[in-house]
Amino acid sequence: MYELFVETIGWIASILIVGAFALNSFGKIASTSVSYQLANLIGGIFFVVNTIYHQAYPSALVNVVWVFIAISALLKSKK
């Protein structure tokens, strides 16, 4: 049951991050928009869970950094 949950959020993370990147690349959302940063934040958190479960620690570290970047961008946009 837990494995299915981890795999599902891994796929959701992929969709969120690649989807946000695609929408930004095609000019549909700005990289400074809250929706773009939230997609990266949630996707990054989901990837952290997924990669730690799979013991893919280098990828987990990248996604922890990804999450901190998204949090920083969201905080900056609130100023």
PDB file of N, CA and C in Angstrom:
ATOM      1  N   MET A   1       0.826  -1.199   0.000  1.00  0.00           N
ATOM      2  CA  MET A   1       0.000   0.000   0.000  1.00  0.00           C
ATOM      3  C   MET A   1       0.870   1.262   0.000  1.00  0.00           C
ATOM      4  N   TYR A   2       1.876   1.301   0.887  1.00  0.00           N
ATOM      5  CA  TYR A   2       2.769   2.463   0.955  1.00  0.00           C
ATOM      6  C   TYR A   2       3.549   2.616  -0.344  1.00  0.00           C
ATOM      7  N   GLU A   3       3.959   1.487  -0.934  1.00  0.00           N
ATOM      8  CA  GLU A   3       4.711   1.550  -2.191  1.00  0.00           C
ATOM      9  C   GLU A   3       3.874   2.181  -3.295  1.00  0.00           C
ATOM     10  N   LEU A   4       2.599   1.841  -3.366  1.00  0.00           N
ATOM     11  CA  LEU A   4       1.712   2.434  -4.375  1.00  0.00           C
ATOM     12  C   LEU A   4       1.591   3.938  -4.160  1.00  0.00           C
ATOM     13  N   PHE A   5       1.475   4.362  -2.910  1.00  0.00           N
ATOM     14  CA  PHE A   5       1.401   5.788  -2.584  1.00  0.00           C
ATOM     15  C   PHE A   5       2.663   6.510  -3.049  1.00  0.00           C
ATOM     16  N   VAL A   6       3.832   5.939  -2.745  1.00  0.00           N
ATOM     17  CA  VAL A   6       5.112   6.563  -3.105  1.00  0.00           C
ATOM     18  C   VAL A   6       5.255   6.642  -4.620  1.00  0.00           C
ATOM     19  N   GLU A   7       4.874   5.593  -5.316  1.00  0.00           N
ATOM     20  CA  GLU A   7       4.967   5.617  -6.777  1.00  0.00           C
ATOM     21  C   GLU A   7       3.993   6.628  -7.371  1.00  0.00           C
ATOM     22  N   THR A   8       2.807   6.725  -6.817  1.00  0.00           N
ATOM     23  CA  THR A   8       1.814   7.679  -7.311  1.00  0.00           C
ATOM     24  C   THR A   8       2.298   9.112  -7.134  1.00  0.00           C
ATOM     25  N   ILE A   9       2.827   9.441  -5.962  1.00  0.00           N
ATOM     26  CA  ILE A   9       3.294  10.820  -5.792  1.00  0.00           C
ATOM     27  C   ILE A   9       4.542  11.096  -6.632  1.00  0.00           C
ATOM     28  N   GLY A  10       5.314  10.059  -6.937  1.00  0.00           N
ATOM     29  CA  GLY A  10       6.444  10.237  -7.855  1.00  0.00           C
ATOM     30  C   GLY A  10       5.965  10.636  -9.247  1.00  0.00           C
ATOM     31  N   TRP A  11       4.898   9.984  -9.713  1.00  0.00           N
ATOM     32  CA  TRP A  11       4.342  10.333 -11.025  1.00  0.00           C
ATOM     33  C   TRP A  11       3.701  11.714 -11.008  1.00  0.00           C
ATOM     34  N   ILE A  12       3.018  12.032  -9.917  1.00  0.00           N
ATOM     35  CA  ILE A  12       2.433  13.372  -9.789  1.00  0.00           C
ATOM     36  C   ILE A  12       3.534  14.429  -9.806  1.00  0.00           C
ATOM     37  N   ALA A  13       4.633  14.163  -9.109  1.00  0.00           N
ATOM     38  CA  ALA A  13       5.775  15.091  -9.103  1.00  0.00           C
ATOM     39  C   ALA A  13       6.289  15.318 -10.510  1.00  0.00           C
ATOM     40  N   SER A  14       6.426  14.252 -11.272  1.00  0.00           N
ATOM     41  CA  SER A  14       6.904  14.375 -12.654  1.00  0.00           C
ATOM     42  C   SER A  14       5.989  15.266 -13.476  1.00  0.00           C
ATOM     43  N   ILE A  15       4.694  15.047 -13.342  1.00  0.00           N
ATOM     44  CA  ILE A  15       3.719  15.832 -14.098  1.00  0.00           C
ATOM     45  C   ILE A  15       3.767  17.306 -13.683  1.00  0.00           C
ATOM     46  N   LEU A  16       3.844  17.554 -12.379  1.00  0.00           N
ATOM     47  CA  LEU A  16       3.878  18.942 -11.892  1.00  0.00           C
ATOM     48  C   LEU A  16       5.115  19.684 -12.390  1.00  0.00           C
ATOM     49  N   ILE A  17       6.275  19.075 -12.229  1.00  0.00           N
ATOM     50  CA  ILE A  17       7.515  19.780 -12.568  1.00  0.00           C
ATOM     51  C   ILE A  17       7.687  19.921 -14.080  1.00  0.00           C
ATOM     52  N   VAL A  18       7.468  18.853 -14.824  1.00  0.00           N
ATOM     53  CA  VAL A  18       7.604  18.943 -16.279  1.00  0.00           C
ATOM     54  C   VAL A  18       6.490  19.801 -16.863  1.00  0.00           C
ATOM     55  N   GLY A  19       5.293  19.679 -16.297  1.00  0.00           N
ATOM     56  CA  GLY A  19       4.182  20.507 -16.766  1.00  0.00           C
ATOM     57  C   GLY A  19       4.440  21.982 -16.554  1.00  0.00           C
ATOM     58  N   ALA A  20       4.939  22.335 -15.368  1.00  0.00           N
ATOM     59  CA  ALA A  20       5.255  23.739 -15.078  1.00  0.00           C
ATOM     60  C   ALA A  20       6.350  24.242 -16.021  1.00  0.00           C
ATOM     61  N   PHE A  21       7.358  23.417 -16.248  1.00  0.00           N
ATOM     62  CA  PHE A  21       8.447  23.801 -17.147  1.00  0.00           C
ATOM     63  C   PHE A  21       7.923  24.009 -18.568  1.00  0.00           C
ATOM     64  N   ALA A  22       7.070  23.100 -19.027  1.00  0.00           N
ATOM     65  CA  ALA A  22       6.518  23.219 -20.377  1.00  0.00           C
ATOM     66  C   ALA A  22       5.652  24.480 -20.508  1.00  0.00           C
ATOM     67  N   LEU A  23       4.787  24.709 -19.528  1.00  0.00           N
ATOM     68  CA  LEU A  23       3.943  25.903 -19.575  1.00  0.00           C
ATOM     69  C   LEU A  23       4.773  27.182 -19.567  1.00  0.00           C
ATOM     70  N   ASN A  24       5.844  27.182 -18.788  1.00  0.00           N
ATOM     71  CA  ASN A  24       6.738  28.337 -18.766  1.00  0.00           C
ATOM     72  C   ASN A  24       7.465  28.480 -20.098  1.00  0.00           C
ATOM     73  N   SER A  25       7.942  27.392 -20.637  1.00  0.00           N
ATOM     74  CA  SER A  25       8.695  27.426 -21.906  1.00  0.00           C
ATOM     75  C   SER A  25       7.849  27.920 -23.068  1.00  0.00           C
ATOM     76  N   PHE A  26       6.553  27.625 -23.025  1.00  0.00           N
ATOM     77  CA  PHE A  26       5.653  28.053 -24.094  1.00  0.00           C
ATOM     78  C   PHE A  26       4.931  29.357 -23.783  1.00  0.00           C
ATOM     79  N   GLY A  27       5.376  30.037 -22.720  1.00  0.00           N
ATOM     80  CA  GLY A  27       4.858  31.359 -22.409  1.00  0.00           C
ATOM     81  C   GLY A  27       3.465  31.380 -21.803  1.00  0.00           C
ATOM     82  N   LYS A  28       3.028  30.261 -21.257  1.00  0.00           N
ATOM     83  CA  LYS A  28       1.682  30.201 -20.675  1.00  0.00           C
ATOM     84  C   LYS A  28       1.665  30.656 -19.216  1.00  0.00           C
ATOM     85  N   ILE A  29       2.757  30.441 -18.488  1.00  0.00           N
ATOM     86  CA  ILE A  29       2.888  30.945 -17.121  1.00  0.00           C
ATOM     87  C   ILE A  29       4.303  31.486 -16.945  1.00  0.00           C
ATOM     88  N   ALA A  30       4.433  32.467 -16.093  1.00  0.00           N
ATOM     89  CA  ALA A  30       5.746  33.062 -15.828  1.00  0.00           C
ATOM     90  C   ALA A  30       6.463  32.260 -14.744  1.00  0.00           C
ATOM     91  N   SER A  31       7.764  32.247 -14.824  1.00  0.00           N
ATOM     92  CA  SER A  31       8.545  31.544 -13.800  1.00  0.00           C
ATOM     93  C   SER A  31       8.433  32.228 -12.442  1.00  0.00           C
ATOM     94  N   THR A  32       7.974  33.453 -12.446  1.00  0.00           N
ATOM     95  CA  THR A  32       7.784  34.190 -11.187  1.00  0.00           C
ATOM     96  C   THR A  32       6.375  34.029 -10.616  1.00  0.00           C
ATOM     97  N   SER A  33       5.511  33.310 -11.320  1.00  0.00           N
ATOM     98  CA  SER A  33       4.129  33.166 -10.859  1.00  0.00           C
ATOM     99  C   SER A  33       4.034  32.200  -9.680  1.00  0.00           C
ATOM    100  N   VAL A  34       3.045  32.428  -8.861  1.00  0.00           N
ATOM    101  CA  VAL A  34       2.812  31.568  -7.696  1.00  0.00           C
ATOM    102  C   VAL A  34       2.498  30.143  -8.157  1.00  0.00           C
ATOM    103  N   SER A  35       1.715  29.991  -9.216  1.00  0.00           N
ATOM    104  CA  SER A  35       1.352  28.649  -9.679  1.00  0.00           C
ATOM    105  C   SER A  35       2.583  27.857 -10.134  1.00  0.00           C
ATOM    106  N   TYR A  36       3.508  28.527 -10.809  1.00  0.00           N
ATOM    107  CA  TYR A  36       4.737  27.862 -11.244  1.00  0.00           C
ATOM    108  C   TYR A  36       5.563  27.412 -10.038  1.00  0.00           C
ATOM    109  N   GLN A  37       5.715  28.297  -9.075  1.00  0.00           N
ATOM    110  CA  GLN A  37       6.514  27.972  -7.898  1.00  0.00           C
ATOM    111  C   GLN A  37       5.833  26.914  -7.027  1.00  0.00           C
ATOM    112  N   LEU A  38       4.514  26.953  -6.909  1.00  0.00           N
ATOM    113  CA  LEU A  38       3.806  25.922  -6.140  1.00  0.00           C
ATOM    114  C   LEU A  38       3.933  24.555  -6.799  1.00  0.00           C
ATOM    115  N   ALA A  39       3.859  24.521  -8.125  1.00  0.00           N
ATOM    116  CA  ALA A  39       4.041  23.243  -8.834  1.00  0.00           C
ATOM    117  C   ALA A  39       5.434  22.682  -8.562  1.00  0.00           C
ATOM    118  N   ASN A  40       6.437  23.556  -8.563  1.00  0.00           N
ATOM    119  CA  ASN A  40       7.803  23.116  -8.279  1.00  0.00           C
ATOM    120  C   ASN A  40       7.965  22.711  -6.816  1.00  0.00           C
ATOM    121  N   LEU A  41       7.341  23.444  -5.919  1.00  0.00           N
ATOM    122  CA  LEU A  41       7.422  23.119  -4.492  1.00  0.00           C
ATOM    123  C   LEU A  41       6.776  21.763  -4.192  1.00  0.00           C
ATOM    124  N   ILE A  42       5.552  21.585  -4.628  1.00  0.00           N
ATOM    125  CA  ILE A  42       4.845  20.331  -4.361  1.00  0.00           C
ATOM    126  C   ILE A  42       5.515  19.168  -5.088  1.00  0.00           C
ATOM    127  N   GLY A  43       5.868  19.395  -6.341  1.00  0.00           N
ATOM    128  CA  GLY A  43       6.578  18.358  -7.098  1.00  0.00           C
ATOM    129  C   GLY A  43       7.893  17.978  -6.441  1.00  0.00           C
ATOM    130  N   GLY A  44       8.626  18.977  -5.974  1.00  0.00           N
ATOM    131  CA  GLY A  44       9.902  18.709  -5.294  1.00  0.00           C
ATOM    132  C   GLY A  44       9.721  17.919  -4.014  1.00  0.00           C
ATOM    133  N   ILE A  45       8.724  18.278  -3.222  1.00  0.00           N
ATOM    134  CA  ILE A  45       8.456  17.544  -1.977  1.00  0.00           C
ATOM    135  C   ILE A  45       8.082  16.092  -2.295  1.00  0.00           C
ATOM    136  N   PHE A  46       7.226  15.913  -3.280  1.00  0.00           N
ATOM    137  CA  PHE A  46       6.827  14.558  -3.656  1.00  0.00           C
ATOM    138  C   PHE A  46       8.028  13.753  -4.157  1.00  0.00           C
ATOM    139  N   PHE A  47       8.915  14.401  -4.931  1.00  0.00           N
ATOM    140  CA  PHE A  47      10.120  13.708  -5.390  1.00  0.00           C
ATOM    141  C   PHE A  47      11.046  13.351  -4.237  1.00  0.00           C
ATOM    142  N   VAL A  48      11.139  14.207  -3.239  1.00  0.00           N
ATOM    143  CA  VAL A  48      11.977  13.896  -2.076  1.00  0.00           C
ATOM    144  C   VAL A  48      11.491  12.599  -1.428  1.00  0.00           C
ATOM    145  N   VAL A  49      10.197  12.499  -1.215  1.00  0.00           N
ATOM    146  CA  VAL A  49       9.635  11.281  -0.614  1.00  0.00           C
ATOM    147  C   VAL A  49       9.943  10.067  -1.485  1.00  0.00           C
ATOM    148  N   ASN A  50       9.695  10.204  -2.779  1.00  0.00           N
ATOM    149  CA  ASN A  50       9.898   9.098  -3.705  1.00  0.00           C
ATOM    150  C   ASN A  50      11.362   8.668  -3.783  1.00  0.00           C
ATOM    151  N   THR A  51      12.262   9.626  -3.876  1.00  0.00           N
ATOM    152  CA  THR A  51      13.674   9.266  -4.035  1.00  0.00           C
ATOM    153  C   THR A  51      14.287   8.727  -2.743  1.00  0.00           C
ATOM    154  N   ILE A  52      13.846   9.218  -1.605  1.00  0.00           N
ATOM    155  CA  ILE A  52      14.330   8.652  -0.343  1.00  0.00           C
ATOM    156  C   ILE A  52      13.832   7.212  -0.195  1.00  0.00           C
ATOM    157  N   TYR A  53      12.584   6.977  -0.553  1.00  0.00           N
ATOM    158  CA  TYR A  53      12.040   5.620  -0.497  1.00  0.00           C
ATOM    159  C   TYR A  53      12.883   4.667  -1.345  1.00  0.00           C
ATOM    160  N   HIS A  54      13.301   5.145  -2.510  1.00  0.00           N
ATOM    161  CA  HIS A  54      14.097   4.317  -3.426  1.00  0.00           C
ATOM    162  C   HIS A  54      15.598   4.398  -3.140  1.00  0.00           C
ATOM    163  N   GLN A  55      15.955   5.056  -2.079  1.00  0.00           N
ATOM    164  CA  GLN A  55      17.348   5.229  -1.660  1.00  0.00           C
ATOM    165  C   GLN A  55      18.209   5.868  -2.760  1.00  0.00           C
ATOM    166  N   ALA A  56      17.592   6.775  -3.504  1.00  0.00           N
ATOM    167  CA  ALA A  56      18.300   7.529  -4.544  1.00  0.00           C
ATOM    168  C   ALA A  56      18.691   8.870  -3.924  1.00  0.00           C
ATOM    169  N   TYR A  57      19.679   8.815  -3.052  1.00  0.00           N
ATOM    170  CA  TYR A  57      20.018   9.979  -2.230  1.00  0.00           C
ATOM    171  C   TYR A  57      20.548  11.176  -3.017  1.00  0.00           C
ATOM    172  N   PRO A  58      21.327  10.993  -4.082  1.00  0.00           N
ATOM    173  CA  PRO A  58      21.730  12.175  -4.860  1.00  0.00           C
ATOM    174  C   PRO A  58      20.515  12.914  -5.451  1.00  0.00           C
ATOM    175  N   SER A  59      19.556  12.165  -5.955  1.00  0.00           N
ATOM    176  CA  SER A  59      18.338  12.792  -6.478  1.00  0.00           C
ATOM    177  C   SER A  59      17.526  13.435  -5.356  1.00  0.00           C
ATOM    178  N   ALA A  60      17.510  12.793  -4.202  1.00  0.00           N
ATOM    179  CA  ALA A  60      16.800  13.373  -3.058  1.00  0.00           C
ATOM    180  C   ALA A  60      17.410  14.715  -2.687  1.00  0.00           C
ATOM    181  N   LEU A  61      18.738  14.793  -2.670  1.00  0.00           N
ATOM    182  CA  LEU A  61      19.409  16.049  -2.339  1.00  0.00           C
ATOM    183  C   LEU A  61      19.063  17.141  -3.350  1.00  0.00           C
ATOM    184  N   VAL A  62      19.087  16.805  -4.625  1.00  0.00           N
ATOM    185  CA  VAL A  62      18.727  17.782  -5.658  1.00  0.00           C
ATOM    186  C   VAL A  62      17.314  18.301  -5.421  1.00  0.00           C
ATOM    187  N   ASN A  63      16.411  17.418  -5.059  1.00  0.00           N
ATOM    188  CA  ASN A  63      15.026  17.831  -4.847  1.00  0.00           C
ATOM    189  C   ASN A  63      14.832  18.604  -3.563  1.00  0.00           C
ATOM    190  N   VAL A  64      15.638  18.357  -2.547  1.00  0.00           N
ATOM    191  CA  VAL A  64      15.600  19.190  -1.337  1.00  0.00           C
ATOM    192  C   VAL A  64      16.005  20.617  -1.707  1.00  0.00           C
ATOM    193  N   VAL A  65      17.041  20.751  -2.501  1.00  0.00           N
ATOM    194  CA  VAL A  65      17.477  22.074  -2.965  1.00  0.00           C
ATOM    195  C   VAL A  65      16.376  22.711  -3.812  1.00  0.00           C
ATOM    196  N   TRP A  66      15.759  21.917  -4.673  1.00  0.00           N
ATOM    197  CA  TRP A  66      14.659  22.386  -5.527  1.00  0.00           C
ATOM    198  C   TRP A  66      13.536  22.974  -4.675  1.00  0.00           C
ATOM    199  N   VAL A  67      13.201  22.294  -3.583  1.00  0.00           N
ATOM    200  CA  VAL A  67      12.154  22.749  -2.673  1.00  0.00           C
ATOM    201  C   VAL A  67      12.549  24.070  -2.023  1.00  0.00           C
ATOM    202  N   PHE A  68      13.792  24.181  -1.573  1.00  0.00           N
ATOM    203  CA  PHE A  68      14.235  25.429  -0.948  1.00  0.00           C
ATOM    204  C   PHE A  68      14.227  26.595  -1.938  1.00  0.00           C
ATOM    205  N   ILE A  69      14.566  26.329  -3.178  1.00  0.00           N
ATOM    206  CA  ILE A  69      14.515  27.379  -4.199  1.00  0.00           C
ATOM    207  C   ILE A  69      13.067  27.831  -4.402  1.00  0.00           C
ATOM    208  N   ALA A  70      12.147  26.884  -4.492  1.00  0.00           N
ATOM    209  CA  ALA A  70      10.733  27.229  -4.677  1.00  0.00           C
ATOM    210  C   ALA A  70      10.201  28.019  -3.483  1.00  0.00           C
ATOM    211  N   ILE A  71      10.569  27.603  -2.272  1.00  0.00           N
ATOM    212  CA  ILE A  71      10.137  28.339  -1.076  1.00  0.00           C
ATOM    213  C   ILE A  71      10.689  29.763  -1.098  1.00  0.00           C
ATOM    214  N   SER A  72      11.961  29.889  -1.434  1.00  0.00           N
ATOM    215  CA  SER A  72      12.590  31.222  -1.502  1.00  0.00           C
ATOM    216  C   SER A  72      11.895  32.101  -2.538  1.00  0.00           C
ATOM    217  N   ALA A  73      11.584  31.532  -3.693  1.00  0.00           N
ATOM    218  CA  ALA A  73      10.918  32.315  -4.739  1.00  0.00           C
ATOM    219  C   ALA A  73       9.516  32.729  -4.299  1.00  0.00           C
ATOM    220  N   LEU A  74       8.804  31.827  -3.622  1.00  0.00           N
ATOM    221  CA  LEU A  74       7.465  32.170  -3.139  1.00  0.00           C
ATOM    222  C   LEU A  74       7.532  33.285  -2.090  1.00  0.00           C
ATOM    223  N   LEU A  75       8.497  33.208  -1.191  1.00  0.00           N
ATOM    224  CA  LEU A  75       8.640  34.246  -0.175  1.00  0.00           C
ATOM    225  C   LEU A  75       9.002  35.583  -0.807  1.00  0.00           C
ATOM    226  N   LYS A  76       9.853  35.534  -1.822  1.00  0.00           N
ATOM    227  CA  LYS A  76      10.264  36.757  -2.518  1.00  0.00           C
ATOM    228  C   LYS A  76       9.063  37.391  -3.228  1.00  0.00           C
ATOM    229  N   SER A  77       8.187  36.569  -3.772  1.00  0.00           N
ATOM    230  CA  SER A  77       7.031  37.113  -4.495  1.00  0.00           C
ATOM    231  C   SER A  77       6.011  37.748  -3.566  1.00  0.00           C
ATOM    232  N   LYS A  78       6.027  37.376  -2.296  1.00  0.00           N
ATOM    233  CA  LYS A  78       5.097  37.966  -1.328  1.00  0.00           C
ATOM    234  C   LYS A  78       5.544  39.345  -0.855  1.00  0.00           C
ATOM    235  N   LYS A  79       6.808  39.708  -1.112  1.00  0.00           N
ATOM    236  CA  LYS A  79       7.328  41.009  -0.666  1.00  0.00           C
ATOM    237  C   LYS A  79       6.887  42.120  -1.579  1.00  0.00           C
TER     238      LYS A  79
END
